[in-house]
Amino acid sequence: ELVLDDVLKDNSDFAIVKIPYNYGVKGIIDVYNKTLREDIKYSQRLNQKIAQNLVDKGYYLRKR
């Protein structure tokens, strides 16, 4: 989340969009006593088992 916050702060060409499905855990916006941008909550943390299943089936997440 911290990396995303920094990248998005410096790059207006990129944005986080809400994913209509829950593959993982919602992104955290309060990290280490720092409040990140609100749209970070639309990111998702994928645990290794879920991520591996997505890769095995040929899926990855992006928006066109």
PDB file of N, CA and C in Angstrom:
ATOM      1  N   GLU A   1       0.813  -1.181   0.000  1.00  0.00           N
ATOM      2  CA  GLU A   1       0.000   0.000   0.000  1.00  0.00           C
ATOM      3  C   GLU A   1       0.867   1.260   0.000  1.00  0.00           C
ATOM      4  N   LEU A   2       1.950   1.238   0.743  1.00  0.00           N
ATOM      5  CA  LEU A   2       2.832   2.410   0.781  1.00  0.00           C
ATOM      6  C   LEU A   2       3.443   2.693  -0.592  1.00  0.00           C
ATOM      7  N   VAL A   3       3.848   1.648  -1.286  1.00  0.00           N
ATOM      8  CA  VAL A   3       4.421   1.825  -2.627  1.00  0.00           C
ATOM      9  C   VAL A   3       3.365   2.375  -3.583  1.00  0.00           C
ATOM     10  N   LEU A   4       2.167   1.798  -3.546  1.00  0.00           N
ATOM     11  CA  LEU A   4       1.083   2.301  -4.404  1.00  0.00           C
ATOM     12  C   LEU A   4       0.791   3.763  -4.122  1.00  0.00           C
ATOM     13  N   ASP A   5       0.754   4.124  -2.861  1.00  0.00           N
ATOM     14  CA  ASP A   5       0.480   5.502  -2.478  1.00  0.00           C
ATOM     15  C   ASP A   5       1.518   6.441  -3.089  1.00  0.00           C
ATOM     16  N   ASP A   6       2.800   6.075  -2.998  1.00  0.00           N
ATOM     17  CA  ASP A   6       3.866   6.909  -3.565  1.00  0.00           C
ATOM     18  C   ASP A   6       3.780   6.989  -5.086  1.00  0.00           C
ATOM     19  N   VAL A   7       3.566   5.855  -5.736  1.00  0.00           N
ATOM     20  CA  VAL A   7       3.493   5.836  -7.202  1.00  0.00           C
ATOM     21  C   VAL A   7       2.323   6.684  -7.690  1.00  0.00           C
ATOM     22  N   LEU A   8       1.172   6.524  -7.067  1.00  0.00           N
ATOM     23  CA  LEU A   8      -0.015   7.256  -7.512  1.00  0.00           C
ATOM     24  C   LEU A   8       0.074   8.746  -7.199  1.00  0.00           C
ATOM     25  N   LYS A   9       0.776   9.076  -6.136  1.00  0.00           N
ATOM     26  CA  LYS A   9       0.941  10.482  -5.776  1.00  0.00           C
ATOM     27  C   LYS A   9       1.727  11.219  -6.863  1.00  0.00           C
ATOM     28  N   ASP A  10       2.703  10.530  -7.455  1.00  0.00           N
ATOM     29  CA  ASP A  10       3.584  11.148  -8.445  1.00  0.00           C
ATOM     30  C   ASP A  10       3.173  10.885  -9.892  1.00  0.00           C
ATOM     31  N   ASN A  11       2.143  10.074 -10.118  1.00  0.00           N
ATOM     32  CA  ASN A  11       1.733   9.696 -11.469  1.00  0.00           C
ATOM     33  C   ASN A  11       0.227   9.788 -11.632  1.00  0.00           C
ATOM     34  N   SER A  12      -0.237  10.841 -12.259  1.00  0.00           N
ATOM     35  CA  SER A  12      -1.683  10.980 -12.448  1.00  0.00           C
ATOM     36  C   SER A  12      -2.199  10.090 -13.584  1.00  0.00           C
ATOM     37  N   ASP A  13      -1.292   9.415 -14.304  1.00  0.00           N
ATOM     38  CA  ASP A  13      -1.712   8.515 -15.382  1.00  0.00           C
ATOM     39  C   ASP A  13      -2.276   7.201 -14.861  1.00  0.00           C
ATOM     40  N   PHE A  14      -2.069   6.909 -13.582  1.00  0.00           N
ATOM     41  CA  PHE A  14      -2.494   5.646 -12.996  1.00  0.00           C
ATOM     42  C   PHE A  14      -3.548   5.882 -11.926  1.00  0.00           C
ATOM     43  N   ALA A  15      -4.428   4.900 -11.756  1.00  0.00           N
ATOM     44  CA  ALA A  15      -5.462   4.994 -10.724  1.00  0.00           C
ATOM     45  C   ALA A  15      -5.831   3.593 -10.260  1.00  0.00           C
ATOM     46  N   ILE A  16      -6.345   3.509  -9.058  1.00  0.00           N
ATOM     47  CA  ILE A  16      -6.868   2.247  -8.544  1.00  0.00           C
ATOM     48  C   ILE A  16      -8.370   2.269  -8.764  1.00  0.00           C
ATOM     49  N   VAL A  17      -8.881   1.207  -9.334  1.00  0.00           N
ATOM     50  CA  VAL A  17     -10.324   1.103  -9.543  1.00  0.00           C
ATOM     51  C   VAL A  17     -10.855  -0.059  -8.714  1.00  0.00           C
ATOM     52  N   LYS A  18     -12.103   0.044  -8.350  1.00  0.00           N
ATOM     53  CA  LYS A  18     -12.719  -0.996  -7.537  1.00  0.00           C
ATOM     54  C   LYS A  18     -12.907  -2.266  -8.358  1.00  0.00           C
ATOM     55  N   ILE A  19     -12.481  -3.383  -7.809  1.00  0.00           N
ATOM     56  CA  ILE A  19     -12.650  -4.685  -8.444  1.00  0.00           C
ATOM     57  C   ILE A  19     -13.971  -5.258  -7.943  1.00  0.00           C
ATOM     58  N   PRO A  20     -14.853  -5.706  -8.833  1.00  0.00           N
ATOM     59  CA  PRO A  20     -16.171  -6.164  -8.393  1.00  0.00           C
ATOM     60  C   PRO A  20     -16.162  -7.490  -7.636  1.00  0.00           C
ATOM     61  N   TYR A  21     -15.031  -8.149  -7.563  1.00  0.00           N
ATOM     62  CA  TYR A  21     -14.944  -9.434  -6.865  1.00  0.00           C
ATOM     63  C   TYR A  21     -13.918  -9.339  -5.755  1.00  0.00           C
ATOM     64  N   ASN A  22     -14.108 -10.103  -4.698  1.00  0.00           N
ATOM     65  CA  ASN A  22     -13.156 -10.130  -3.594  1.00  0.00           C
ATOM     66  C   ASN A  22     -12.277 -11.363  -3.711  1.00  0.00           C
ATOM     67  N   TYR A  23     -11.066 -11.159  -4.190  1.00  0.00           N
ATOM     68  CA  TYR A  23     -10.096 -12.243  -4.301  1.00  0.00           C
ATOM     69  C   TYR A  23      -9.207 -12.307  -3.073  1.00  0.00           C
ATOM     70  N   GLY A  24      -9.127 -11.221  -2.350  1.00  0.00           N
ATOM     71  CA  GLY A  24      -8.212 -11.164  -1.215  1.00  0.00           C
ATOM     72  C   GLY A  24      -8.749 -10.264  -0.129  1.00  0.00           C
ATOM     73  N   VAL A  25      -7.840  -9.660   0.602  1.00  0.00           N
ATOM     74  CA  VAL A  25      -8.175  -8.767   1.708  1.00  0.00           C
ATOM     75  C   VAL A  25      -8.077  -7.325   1.211  1.00  0.00           C
ATOM     76  N   LYS A  26      -9.053  -6.516   1.582  1.00  0.00           N
ATOM     77  CA  LYS A  26      -9.094  -5.109   1.182  1.00  0.00           C
ATOM     78  C   LYS A  26      -7.814  -4.383   1.604  1.00  0.00           C
ATOM     79  N   GLY A  27      -7.332  -3.484   0.765  1.00  0.00           N
ATOM     80  CA  GLY A  27      -6.139  -2.698   1.070  1.00  0.00           C
ATOM     81  C   GLY A  27      -6.310  -1.857   2.327  1.00  0.00           C
ATOM     82  N   ILE A  28      -5.212  -1.618   2.999  1.00  0.00           N
ATOM     83  CA  ILE A  28      -5.209  -0.873   4.264  1.00  0.00           C
ATOM     84  C   ILE A  28      -4.812   0.574   3.987  1.00  0.00           C
ATOM     85  N   ILE A  29      -5.577   1.523   4.518  1.00  0.00           N
ATOM     86  CA  ILE A  29      -5.239   2.929   4.288  1.00  0.00           C
ATOM     87  C   ILE A  29      -4.594   3.598   5.497  1.00  0.00           C
ATOM     88  N   ASP A  30      -4.612   2.950   6.644  1.00  0.00           N
ATOM     89  CA  ASP A  30      -3.919   3.471   7.828  1.00  0.00           C
ATOM     90  C   ASP A  30      -2.763   2.537   8.148  1.00  0.00           C
ATOM     91  N   VAL A  31      -1.543   2.944   7.764  1.00  0.00           N
ATOM     92  CA  VAL A  31      -0.362   2.102   7.906  1.00  0.00           C
ATOM     93  C   VAL A  31       0.729   2.879   8.635  1.00  0.00           C
ATOM     94  N   TYR A  32       1.268   2.293   9.689  1.00  0.00           N
ATOM     95  CA  TYR A  32       2.396   2.899  10.424  1.00  0.00           C
ATOM     96  C   TYR A  32       2.140   4.366  10.766  1.00  0.00           C
ATOM     97  N   ASN A  33       0.979   4.655  11.307  1.00  0.00           N
ATOM     98  CA  ASN A  33       0.588   6.008  11.702  1.00  0.00           C
ATOM     99  C   ASN A  33       0.551   6.987  10.529  1.00  0.00           C
ATOM    100  N   LYS A  34       0.367   6.474   9.334  1.00  0.00           N
ATOM    101  CA  LYS A  34       0.253   7.308   8.146  1.00  0.00           C
ATOM    102  C   LYS A  34      -1.062   6.957   7.451  1.00  0.00           C
ATOM    103  N   THR A  35      -1.816   7.967   7.059  1.00  0.00           N
ATOM    104  CA  THR A  35      -3.062   7.736   6.329  1.00  0.00           C
ATOM    105  C   THR A  35      -2.784   7.877   4.837  1.00  0.00           C
ATOM    106  N   LEU A  36      -3.088   6.824   4.106  1.00  0.00           N
ATOM    107  CA  LEU A  36      -2.841   6.797   2.668  1.00  0.00           C
ATOM    108  C   LEU A  36      -4.070   7.283   1.913  1.00  0.00           C
ATOM    109  N   ARG A  37      -3.933   7.450   0.621  1.00  0.00           N
ATOM    110  CA  ARG A  37      -5.057   7.908  -0.198  1.00  0.00           C
ATOM    111  C   ARG A  37      -6.223   6.927  -0.076  1.00  0.00           C
ATOM    112  N   GLU A  38      -7.409   7.448  -0.132  1.00  0.00           N
ATOM    113  CA  GLU A  38      -8.632   6.679   0.127  1.00  0.00           C
ATOM    114  C   GLU A  38      -8.831   5.517  -0.854  1.00  0.00           C
ATOM    115  N   ASP A  39      -8.438   5.691  -2.114  1.00  0.00           N
ATOM    116  CA  ASP A  39      -8.690   4.628  -3.094  1.00  0.00           C
ATOM    117  C   ASP A  39      -7.774   3.415  -2.929  1.00  0.00           C
ATOM    118  N   ILE A  40      -6.797   3.480  -2.036  1.00  0.00           N
ATOM    119  CA  ILE A  40      -5.960   2.312  -1.741  1.00  0.00           C
ATOM    120  C   ILE A  40      -6.839   1.176  -1.209  1.00  0.00           C
ATOM    121  N   LYS A  41      -7.952   1.507  -0.564  1.00  0.00           N
ATOM    122  CA  LYS A  41      -8.825   0.457  -0.025  1.00  0.00           C
ATOM    123  C   LYS A  41      -9.418  -0.420  -1.129  1.00  0.00           C
ATOM    124  N   TYR A  42      -9.383   0.048  -2.376  1.00  0.00           N
ATOM    125  CA  TYR A  42      -9.869  -0.768  -3.492  1.00  0.00           C
ATOM    126  C   TYR A  42      -8.848  -1.802  -3.958  1.00  0.00           C
ATOM    127  N   SER A  43      -7.602  -1.665  -3.510  1.00  0.00           N
ATOM    128  CA  SER A  43      -6.610  -2.689  -3.845  1.00  0.00           C
ATOM    129  C   SER A  43      -6.907  -3.927  -3.007  1.00  0.00           C
ATOM    130  N   GLN A  44      -6.325  -5.046  -3.387  1.00  0.00           N
ATOM    131  CA  GLN A  44      -6.563  -6.279  -2.637  1.00  0.00           C
ATOM    132  C   GLN A  44      -5.250  -7.012  -2.405  1.00  0.00           C
ATOM    133  N   ARG A  45      -5.076  -7.474  -1.184  1.00  0.00           N
ATOM    134  CA  ARG A  45      -3.926  -8.307  -0.842  1.00  0.00           C
ATOM    135  C   ARG A  45      -4.313  -9.747  -1.130  1.00  0.00           C
ATOM    136  N   LEU A  46      -3.536 -10.404  -1.949  1.00  0.00           N
ATOM    137  CA  LEU A  46      -3.810 -11.800  -2.282  1.00  0.00           C
ATOM    138  C   LEU A  46      -2.850 -12.692  -1.513  1.00  0.00           C
ATOM    139  N   ASN A  47      -3.397 -13.678  -0.814  1.00  0.00           N
ATOM    140  CA  ASN A  47      -2.487 -14.610  -0.154  1.00  0.00           C
ATOM    141  C   ASN A  47      -1.919 -15.556  -1.198  1.00  0.00           C
ATOM    142  N   GLN A  48      -0.858 -16.248  -0.855  1.00  0.00           N
ATOM    143  CA  GLN A  48      -0.133 -17.052  -1.830  1.00  0.00           C
ATOM    144  C   GLN A  48      -1.005 -18.132  -2.470  1.00  0.00           C
ATOM    145  N   LYS A  49      -1.863 -18.776  -1.693  1.00  0.00           N
ATOM    146  CA  LYS A  49      -2.710 -19.844  -2.235  1.00  0.00           C
ATOM    147  C   LYS A  49      -3.669 -19.297  -3.292  1.00  0.00           C
ATOM    148  N   ILE A  50      -4.315 -18.186  -2.991  1.00  0.00           N
ATOM    149  CA  ILE A  50      -5.254 -17.586  -3.944  1.00  0.00           C
ATOM    150  C   ILE A  50      -4.506 -17.105  -5.180  1.00  0.00           C
ATOM    151  N   ALA A  51      -3.393 -16.419  -4.977  1.00  0.00           N
ATOM    152  CA  ALA A  51      -2.628 -15.895  -6.108  1.00  0.00           C
ATOM    153  C   ALA A  51      -2.139 -17.028  -6.998  1.00  0.00           C
ATOM    154  N   GLN A  52      -1.667 -18.109  -6.412  1.00  0.00           N
ATOM    155  CA  GLN A  52      -1.179 -19.236  -7.205  1.00  0.00           C
ATOM    156  C   GLN A  52      -2.312 -19.863  -8.017  1.00  0.00           C
ATOM    157  N   ASN A  53      -3.496 -19.980  -7.416  1.00  0.00           N
ATOM    158  CA  ASN A  53      -4.641 -20.527  -8.150  1.00  0.00           C
ATOM    159  C   ASN A  53      -5.012 -19.643  -9.340  1.00  0.00           C
ATOM    160  N   LEU A  54      -4.936 -18.338  -9.164  1.00  0.00           N
ATOM    161  CA  LEU A  54      -5.249 -17.431 -10.266  1.00  0.00           C
ATOM    162  C   LEU A  54      -4.230 -17.583 -11.388  1.00  0.00           C
ATOM    163  N   VAL A  55      -2.966 -17.698 -11.019  1.00  0.00           N
ATOM    164  CA  VAL A  55      -1.915 -17.846 -12.030  1.00  0.00           C
ATOM    165  C   VAL A  55      -2.059 -19.180 -12.752  1.00  0.00           C
ATOM    166  N   ASP A  56      -2.306 -20.256 -12.004  1.00  0.00           N
ATOM    167  CA  ASP A  56      -2.452 -21.577 -12.617  1.00  0.00           C
ATOM    168  C   ASP A  56      -3.575 -21.604 -13.647  1.00  0.00           C
ATOM    169  N   LYS A  57      -4.616 -20.831 -13.403  1.00  0.00           N
ATOM    170  CA  LYS A  57      -5.766 -20.822 -14.310  1.00  0.00           C
ATOM    171  C   LYS A  57      -5.625 -19.757 -15.396  1.00  0.00           C
ATOM    172  N   GLY A  58      -4.527 -19.015 -15.377  1.00  0.00           N
ATOM    173  CA  GLY A  58      -4.273 -18.033 -16.418  1.00  0.00           C
ATOM    174  C   GLY A  58      -4.908 -16.677 -16.193  1.00  0.00           C
ATOM    175  N   TYR A  59      -5.269 -16.342 -14.969  1.00  0.00           N
ATOM    176  CA  TYR A  59      -5.901 -15.058 -14.691  1.00  0.00           C
ATOM    177  C   TYR A  59      -4.909 -14.082 -14.074  1.00  0.00           C
ATOM    178  N   TYR A  60      -5.089 -12.813 -14.376  1.00  0.00           N
ATOM    179  CA  TYR A  60      -4.469 -11.756 -13.605  1.00  0.00           C
ATOM    180  C   TYR A  60      -5.436 -10.590 -13.618  1.00  0.00           C
ATOM    181  N   LEU A  61      -5.254  -9.664 -12.702  1.00  0.00           N
ATOM    182  CA  LEU A  61      -6.216  -8.580 -12.543  1.00  0.00           C
ATOM    183  C   LEU A  61      -5.718  -7.315 -13.227  1.00  0.00           C
ATOM    184  N   ARG A  62      -6.564  -6.740 -14.039  1.00  0.00           N
ATOM    185  CA  ARG A  62      -6.279  -5.454 -14.659  1.00  0.00           C
ATOM    186  C   ARG A  62      -7.585  -4.893 -15.190  1.00  0.00           C
ATOM    187  N   LYS A  63      -7.558  -3.643 -15.550  1.00  0.00           N
ATOM    188  CA  LYS A  63      -8.742  -3.034 -16.152  1.00  0.00           C
ATOM    189  C   LYS A  63      -8.357  -2.501 -17.517  1.00  0.00           C
ATOM    190  N   ARG A  64      -9.192  -2.739 -18.454  1.00  0.00           N
ATOM    191  CA  ARG A  64      -8.934  -2.284 -19.820  1.00  0.00           C
ATOM    192  C   ARG A  64      -9.477  -0.901 -20.024  1.00  0.00           C
TER     193      ARG A  64
END
